[in-house]
Amino acid sequence: MRLVFCGTPTFAVPTLQALRGAGHRIELVLCQPDRPSGRGLSLAVPPVKQAALDAGLEVSQPEKIRTNTELRARLEAIQPDAIVVVAYGRLIPPWMLDLPRHGNLNLHGSLLPKYRGAAPIQWAVANGEKVTGVTTMRLDEGMDTGDMLLQRELPIGPTDTAEDLFFRLAELGAPLMVETLAGLESGAITPQKQDNSLATHAPLLTRDDGRVDPARAAQSIYDRWRGFQPWPGAWTTVRGKKLTLHRLMLASSTQRSEPGIFYVDGDRLYLTAGDGNSLEVIELQAEGKRRMPAADLLRGHGVVDGDRLGS
């Protein structure tokens, strides 16, 4: 097929590569503009752009697409059979939705209709789900509300983080998009309407989502830490200074204290949750210091027995 591919981050790269490997003609790749990154704020090239250039594909990085007459004319000249959208980061305007004969096909990182929105992988882990997956769907003007095409499941292990699942779901979804295109072309796929009554929302993450709530059960705090990797992570304040909890484990310690209190056992650091159970803090980072094992920070008195979260 003649395709236009829209994607920006690493998650989208396997699908782009799989489409090329299957013999489809990628006439144009759209991704977001280069953005300042890092302490030096040098411009960072999106992973999809780099992959496309390495493959000798034409790349366009429009700042806007809804009213972009130049882009519209370019896509109308291509007359793609389908536009494939994977983590592009832009809403697709109606004129673009209506252009290809097979529509705009999206790879979404959840088992729709659950976890519609910008952060489906993170929220599935944060909410303690045991299974997630990918869905190919035909985009409409809603937020992940279009007809479903194919799905594949993936188990979530008890220690898996969202960062772990990003790679696995990207690799799972790439051949599924190839299969979806083949099924649409042959007529083997019947699009399925989503059951809106089963829909859940996965909003864009904010920094405050990573703030540890000591009233939560230990399992919930642990799941949110897993889900919010690499950002916003898990953090709190102690004596007015930010404290980032880089690695946590559910603990079997029987010592109890008031919820939201750190306690020290030798060179090990624990946190009591709202249900009376504990988590062990393996690695953490005090404001203005480097990331380090808990034992090292305890020796430097960055945290002491009885410190309270949010103090």
Protein backbone atom coordinates (compact mmCIF):
# COMPACT_ATOMS: atom_id res chain seq x y z
CA MET A 1 0.00 0.00 0.00
CA ARG A 2 0.88 3.66 -0.34
CA LEU A 3 1.16 4.90 3.25
CA VAL A 4 1.80 8.04 5.23
CA PHE A 5 3.25 7.35 8.68
CA CYS A 6 2.74 9.67 11.66
CA GLY A 7 4.77 9.08 14.82
CA THR A 8 7.34 10.71 17.06
CA PRO A 9 8.88 8.68 19.96
CA THR A 10 10.74 5.40 20.18
CA PHE A 11 7.46 3.51 20.71
CA ALA A 12 6.52 4.18 17.07
CA VAL A 13 9.81 3.08 15.47
CA PRO A 14 9.16 -0.72 15.38
CA THR A 15 5.89 -0.17 13.50
CA LEU A 16 7.56 2.04 10.92
CA GLN A 17 10.25 -0.58 10.41
CA ALA A 18 7.72 -3.43 10.22
CA LEU A 19 5.68 -1.64 7.56
CA ARG A 20 8.77 -1.14 5.41
CA GLY A 21 9.80 -4.76 5.98
CA ALA A 22 6.37 -5.91 4.79
CA GLY A 23 6.87 -4.11 1.49
CA HIS A 24 4.59 -1.11 2.01
CA ARG A 25 5.62 2.18 0.42
CA ILE A 26 6.04 4.91 3.01
CA GLU A 27 5.55 8.02 0.90
CA LEU A 28 5.93 10.50 3.78
CA VAL A 29 6.73 10.43 7.49
CA LEU A 30 5.24 13.07 9.77
CA CYS A 31 6.64 13.68 13.24
CA GLN A 32 6.75 16.52 15.71
CA PRO A 33 9.44 19.21 15.36
CA ASP A 34 12.85 18.88 16.98
CA ARG A 35 12.59 20.13 20.58
CA PRO A 36 15.15 21.53 23.05
CA SER A 37 16.32 18.81 25.42
CA GLY A 38 18.77 18.33 28.27
CA ARG A 39 20.60 20.90 30.33
CA GLY A 40 22.12 22.49 27.26
CA LEU A 41 18.70 22.70 25.57
CA SER A 42 20.17 21.50 22.29
CA LEU A 43 17.61 20.38 19.71
CA ALA A 44 16.78 16.67 19.99
CA VAL A 45 15.81 14.74 16.88
CA PRO A 46 12.68 12.58 17.40
CA PRO A 47 13.46 8.84 17.17
CA VAL A 48 10.98 8.38 14.31
CA LYS A 49 12.66 11.13 12.31
CA GLN A 50 16.05 9.51 12.78
CA ALA A 51 14.73 6.08 11.79
CA ALA A 52 13.03 7.53 8.73
CA LEU A 53 16.12 9.43 7.59
CA ASP A 54 18.26 6.33 8.09
CA ALA A 55 15.84 4.50 5.77
CA GLY A 56 15.96 7.24 3.16
CA LEU A 57 12.33 8.30 3.72
CA GLU A 58 10.95 11.80 3.28
CA VAL A 59 10.21 13.52 6.62
CA SER A 60 8.02 16.51 7.42
CA GLN A 61 7.72 18.13 10.86
CA PRO A 62 4.81 20.57 10.71
CA GLU A 63 4.15 22.65 13.81
CA LYS A 64 0.43 22.62 13.00
CA ILE A 65 -1.64 20.33 10.82
CA ARG A 66 -5.30 21.34 11.19
CA THR A 67 -5.04 24.46 9.00
CA ASN A 68 -1.86 23.54 7.13
CA THR A 69 -2.82 23.97 3.49
CA GLU A 70 0.63 22.97 2.23
CA LEU A 71 0.48 19.65 4.11
CA ARG A 72 -3.06 19.04 2.95
CA ALA A 73 -2.07 19.52 -0.68
CA ARG A 74 0.92 17.20 -0.22
CA LEU A 75 -1.21 14.40 1.29
CA GLU A 76 -3.92 14.82 -1.35
CA ALA A 77 -1.25 14.46 -4.03
CA ILE A 78 0.03 11.24 -2.41
CA GLN A 79 -3.51 9.78 -2.13
CA PRO A 80 -2.43 7.24 0.52
CA ASP A 81 -4.33 4.00 0.96
CA ALA A 82 -3.98 4.50 4.73
CA ILE A 83 -2.40 6.89 7.20
CA VAL A 84 -0.78 5.00 10.08
CA VAL A 85 -0.62 6.92 13.37
CA VAL A 86 1.50 5.70 16.30
CA ALA A 87 2.15 8.06 19.23
CA TYR A 88 2.26 11.08 16.95
CA GLY A 89 1.20 13.51 19.68
CA ARG A 90 -1.19 15.49 17.50
CA LEU A 91 -4.97 15.34 17.02
CA ILE A 92 -5.76 14.32 13.46
CA PRO A 93 -8.09 16.86 11.75
CA PRO A 94 -11.27 15.77 9.92
CA TRP A 95 -9.87 16.46 6.45
CA MET A 96 -7.03 14.05 7.16
CA LEU A 97 -9.33 11.41 8.67
CA ASP A 98 -11.42 11.37 5.49
CA LEU A 99 -8.54 11.25 3.01
CA PRO A 100 -7.39 7.58 2.76
CA ARG A 101 -9.67 4.77 1.62
CA HIS A 102 -8.74 2.67 4.67
CA GLY A 103 -8.79 5.64 7.03
CA ASN A 104 -6.29 6.66 9.70
CA LEU A 105 -5.12 3.55 11.56
CA ASN A 106 -3.80 3.91 15.08
CA LEU A 107 -1.79 1.58 17.31
CA HIS A 108 -2.91 2.21 20.89
CA GLY A 109 -1.09 0.87 23.95
CA SER A 110 -4.05 -0.64 25.78
CA LEU A 111 -6.91 -3.08 25.38
CA LEU A 112 -9.56 -0.59 24.33
CA PRO A 113 -11.99 0.65 25.46
CA LYS A 114 -9.94 0.62 28.70
CA TYR A 115 -7.36 3.35 29.11
CA ARG A 116 -8.26 5.84 26.42
CA GLY A 117 -5.93 8.81 26.50
CA ALA A 118 -2.33 9.94 26.44
CA ALA A 119 -0.76 7.57 29.02
CA PRO A 120 -2.43 4.15 28.73
CA ILE A 121 0.65 2.08 29.54
CA GLN A 122 1.50 4.06 32.66
CA TRP A 123 -2.01 4.06 34.11
CA ALA A 124 -2.55 0.34 33.49
CA VAL A 125 0.52 -0.44 35.60
CA ALA A 126 -0.25 2.24 38.19
CA ASN A 127 -3.72 0.81 38.70
CA GLY A 128 -2.38 -2.68 39.32
CA GLU A 129 -3.66 -4.33 36.13
CA LYS A 130 -2.40 -7.86 35.50
CA VAL A 131 -2.94 -7.76 31.72
CA THR A 132 -2.60 -5.05 29.10
CA GLY A 133 -2.02 -5.12 25.35
CA VAL A 134 -2.30 -3.22 22.10
CA THR A 135 -5.24 -2.35 19.87
CA THR A 136 -5.30 -1.29 16.25
CA MET A 137 -8.20 1.01 15.54
CA ARG A 138 -9.60 3.40 12.96
CA LEU A 139 -9.35 6.94 14.24
CA ASP A 140 -12.38 9.22 14.43
CA GLU A 141 -12.76 12.71 15.89
CA GLY A 142 -13.01 11.43 19.50
CA MET A 143 -10.22 10.55 21.92
CA ASP A 144 -9.46 6.89 21.12
CA THR A 145 -13.15 6.21 20.43
CA GLY A 146 -12.91 4.78 16.91
CA ASP A 147 -13.76 1.28 15.74
CA MET A 148 -11.39 -1.46 16.93
CA LEU A 149 -9.68 -3.70 14.39
CA LEU A 150 -7.31 -6.16 16.11
CA GLN A 151 -6.02 -6.70 19.66
CA ARG A 152 -3.20 -8.62 21.33
CA GLU A 153 -2.80 -9.18 25.08
CA LEU A 154 0.37 -8.96 27.15
CA PRO A 155 0.67 -9.99 30.82
CA ILE A 156 2.01 -7.46 33.31
CA GLY A 157 4.45 -9.07 35.75
CA PRO A 158 4.35 -8.10 39.43
CA THR A 159 7.60 -6.14 39.16
CA ASP A 160 7.18 -4.77 35.62
CA THR A 161 7.41 -1.02 35.23
CA ALA A 162 5.80 1.07 32.52
CA GLU A 163 9.27 1.53 31.08
CA ASP A 164 9.62 -2.26 30.76
CA LEU A 165 6.28 -2.52 28.97
CA PHE A 166 6.91 0.27 26.45
CA PHE A 167 9.42 -1.82 24.51
CA ARG A 168 7.40 -5.03 24.71
CA LEU A 169 4.16 -3.39 23.61
CA ALA A 170 5.92 -1.58 20.75
CA GLU A 171 7.32 -4.90 19.53
CA LEU A 172 3.92 -6.59 19.96
CA GLY A 173 2.10 -3.85 18.08
CA ALA A 174 4.38 -3.58 15.04
CA PRO A 175 3.41 -6.90 13.38
CA LEU A 176 -0.19 -6.35 14.48
CA MET A 177 -0.36 -3.20 12.33
CA VAL A 178 1.02 -5.16 9.37
CA GLU A 179 -1.64 -7.81 9.99
CA THR A 180 -4.30 -5.11 10.25
CA LEU A 181 -3.43 -3.63 6.86
CA ALA A 182 -3.51 -7.06 5.26
CA GLY A 183 -6.87 -7.84 6.85
CA LEU A 184 -8.42 -4.57 5.72
CA GLU A 185 -7.18 -5.09 2.19
CA SER A 186 -8.53 -8.63 2.02
CA GLY A 187 -11.78 -7.84 3.82
CA ALA A 188 -10.98 -10.33 6.60
CA ILE A 189 -11.33 -7.72 9.38
CA THR A 190 -14.71 -6.49 10.55
CA PRO A 191 -14.36 -3.26 12.56
CA GLN A 192 -15.92 -3.47 16.03
CA LYS A 193 -17.62 -0.60 17.82
CA GLN A 194 -16.27 0.15 21.29
CA ASP A 195 -18.52 -0.33 24.31
CA ASN A 196 -18.37 3.16 25.77
CA SER A 197 -19.78 1.94 29.08
CA LEU A 198 -16.51 0.04 29.66
CA ALA A 199 -14.24 2.97 28.81
CA THR A 200 -11.67 4.26 31.29
CA HIS A 201 -9.46 7.33 30.98
CA ALA A 202 -5.66 7.52 30.98
CA PRO A 203 -4.88 11.25 31.17
CA LEU A 204 -1.53 12.87 30.49
CA LEU A 205 0.71 12.49 33.51
CA THR A 206 1.58 15.47 35.67
CA ARG A 207 4.42 15.97 38.12
CA ASP A 208 1.96 15.77 41.00
CA ASP A 209 0.90 12.24 40.01
CA GLY A 210 4.27 11.10 41.35
CA ARG A 211 3.74 12.55 44.82
CA VAL A 212 3.51 9.64 47.27
CA ASP A 213 0.24 9.58 49.21
CA PRO A 214 0.96 7.80 52.52
CA ALA A 215 -2.75 7.07 53.00
CA ARG A 216 -2.63 4.57 50.13
CA ALA A 217 -2.04 0.86 50.68
CA ALA A 218 1.53 -0.36 50.19
CA GLN A 219 0.58 -2.24 47.01
CA SER A 220 -1.00 0.89 45.54
CA ILE A 221 2.08 3.02 46.30
CA TYR A 222 4.27 0.33 44.73
CA ASP A 223 2.06 0.04 41.63
CA ARG A 224 2.08 3.79 41.10
CA TRP A 225 5.86 3.85 41.43
CA ARG A 226 6.04 1.10 38.76
CA GLY A 227 3.57 2.90 36.51
CA PHE A 228 5.18 6.30 36.69
CA GLN A 229 8.61 5.23 35.44
CA PRO A 230 10.62 7.00 34.19
CA TRP A 231 8.52 10.12 34.90
CA PRO A 232 7.14 11.51 37.21
CA GLY A 233 8.42 8.64 39.37
CA ALA A 234 7.68 8.63 43.10
CA TRP A 235 8.62 11.57 45.28
CA THR A 236 7.81 13.33 48.51
CA THR A 237 9.27 16.04 50.73
CA VAL A 238 11.10 15.61 54.03
CA ARG A 239 11.79 18.67 56.17
CA GLY A 240 10.97 20.87 53.20
CA LYS A 241 13.37 19.15 50.76
CA LYS A 242 12.36 16.99 47.81
CA LEU A 243 13.12 13.29 48.16
CA THR A 244 12.84 11.06 45.08
CA LEU A 245 12.25 7.34 45.69
CA HIS A 246 13.97 5.71 42.72
CA ARG A 247 13.52 2.04 43.69
CA LEU A 248 10.92 0.49 45.97
CA MET A 249 10.06 -3.05 47.07
CA LEU A 250 7.11 -4.44 48.93
CA ALA A 251 8.51 -5.42 52.33
CA SER A 252 7.79 -8.34 54.63
CA SER A 253 9.00 -6.40 57.67
CA THR A 254 6.69 -6.77 60.65
CA GLN A 255 7.66 -3.48 62.28
CA ARG A 256 4.75 -1.04 62.34
CA SER A 257 4.56 2.71 62.73
CA GLU A 258 2.15 5.45 61.87
CA PRO A 259 1.36 5.68 58.11
CA GLY A 260 3.68 8.00 56.21
CA ILE A 261 6.64 7.52 58.56
CA PHE A 262 10.11 6.37 57.52
CA TYR A 263 11.76 3.92 59.85
CA VAL A 264 15.30 2.56 59.86
CA ASP A 265 16.37 -1.02 60.52
CA GLY A 266 20.16 -1.22 60.47
CA ASP A 267 21.21 0.09 57.06
CA ARG A 268 17.75 -0.45 55.53
CA LEU A 269 15.04 2.14 55.10
CA TYR A 270 11.31 1.43 55.21
CA LEU A 271 8.13 3.41 54.71
CA THR A 272 4.84 2.54 56.40
CA ALA A 273 1.79 2.81 54.12
CA GLY A 274 -1.82 3.57 54.94
CA ASP A 275 -2.78 -0.09 55.38
CA GLY A 276 -0.02 -0.71 57.94
CA ASN A 277 2.17 -2.61 55.49
CA SER A 278 5.63 -1.42 54.56
CA LEU A 279 7.77 -0.72 51.53
CA GLU A 280 11.54 -0.86 51.49
CA VAL A 281 13.27 2.09 49.83
CA ILE A 282 16.21 0.65 47.88
CA GLU A 283 17.49 3.75 46.07
CA LEU A 284 16.62 7.39 46.57
CA GLN A 285 17.84 10.89 45.92
CA ALA A 286 17.75 13.83 48.28
CA GLU A 287 17.39 17.29 46.79
CA GLY A 288 20.77 18.55 45.64
CA LYS A 289 22.42 15.14 45.95
CA ARG A 290 23.12 12.26 43.59
CA ARG A 291 21.02 9.11 43.36
CA MET A 292 22.31 6.53 45.86
CA PRO A 293 21.48 3.36 47.80
CA ALA A 294 19.42 3.96 50.92
CA ALA A 295 22.28 2.83 53.18
CA ASP A 296 24.54 5.58 51.80
CA LEU A 297 21.94 8.29 52.36
CA LEU A 298 21.27 7.04 55.88
CA ARG A 299 24.95 7.41 56.73
CA GLY A 300 24.78 10.98 55.52
CA HIS A 301 21.66 11.59 57.60
CA GLY A 302 19.59 12.61 54.59
CA VAL A 303 16.73 10.65 56.17
CA VAL A 304 16.43 9.62 59.82
CA ASP A 305 14.17 7.28 61.71
CA GLY A 306 10.77 8.87 62.24
CA ASP A 307 10.90 11.32 59.33
CA ARG A 308 7.45 11.99 57.92
CA LEU A 309 6.43 12.13 54.24
CA GLY A 310 5.37 15.57 53.13
CA SER A 311 7.05 17.32 56.05
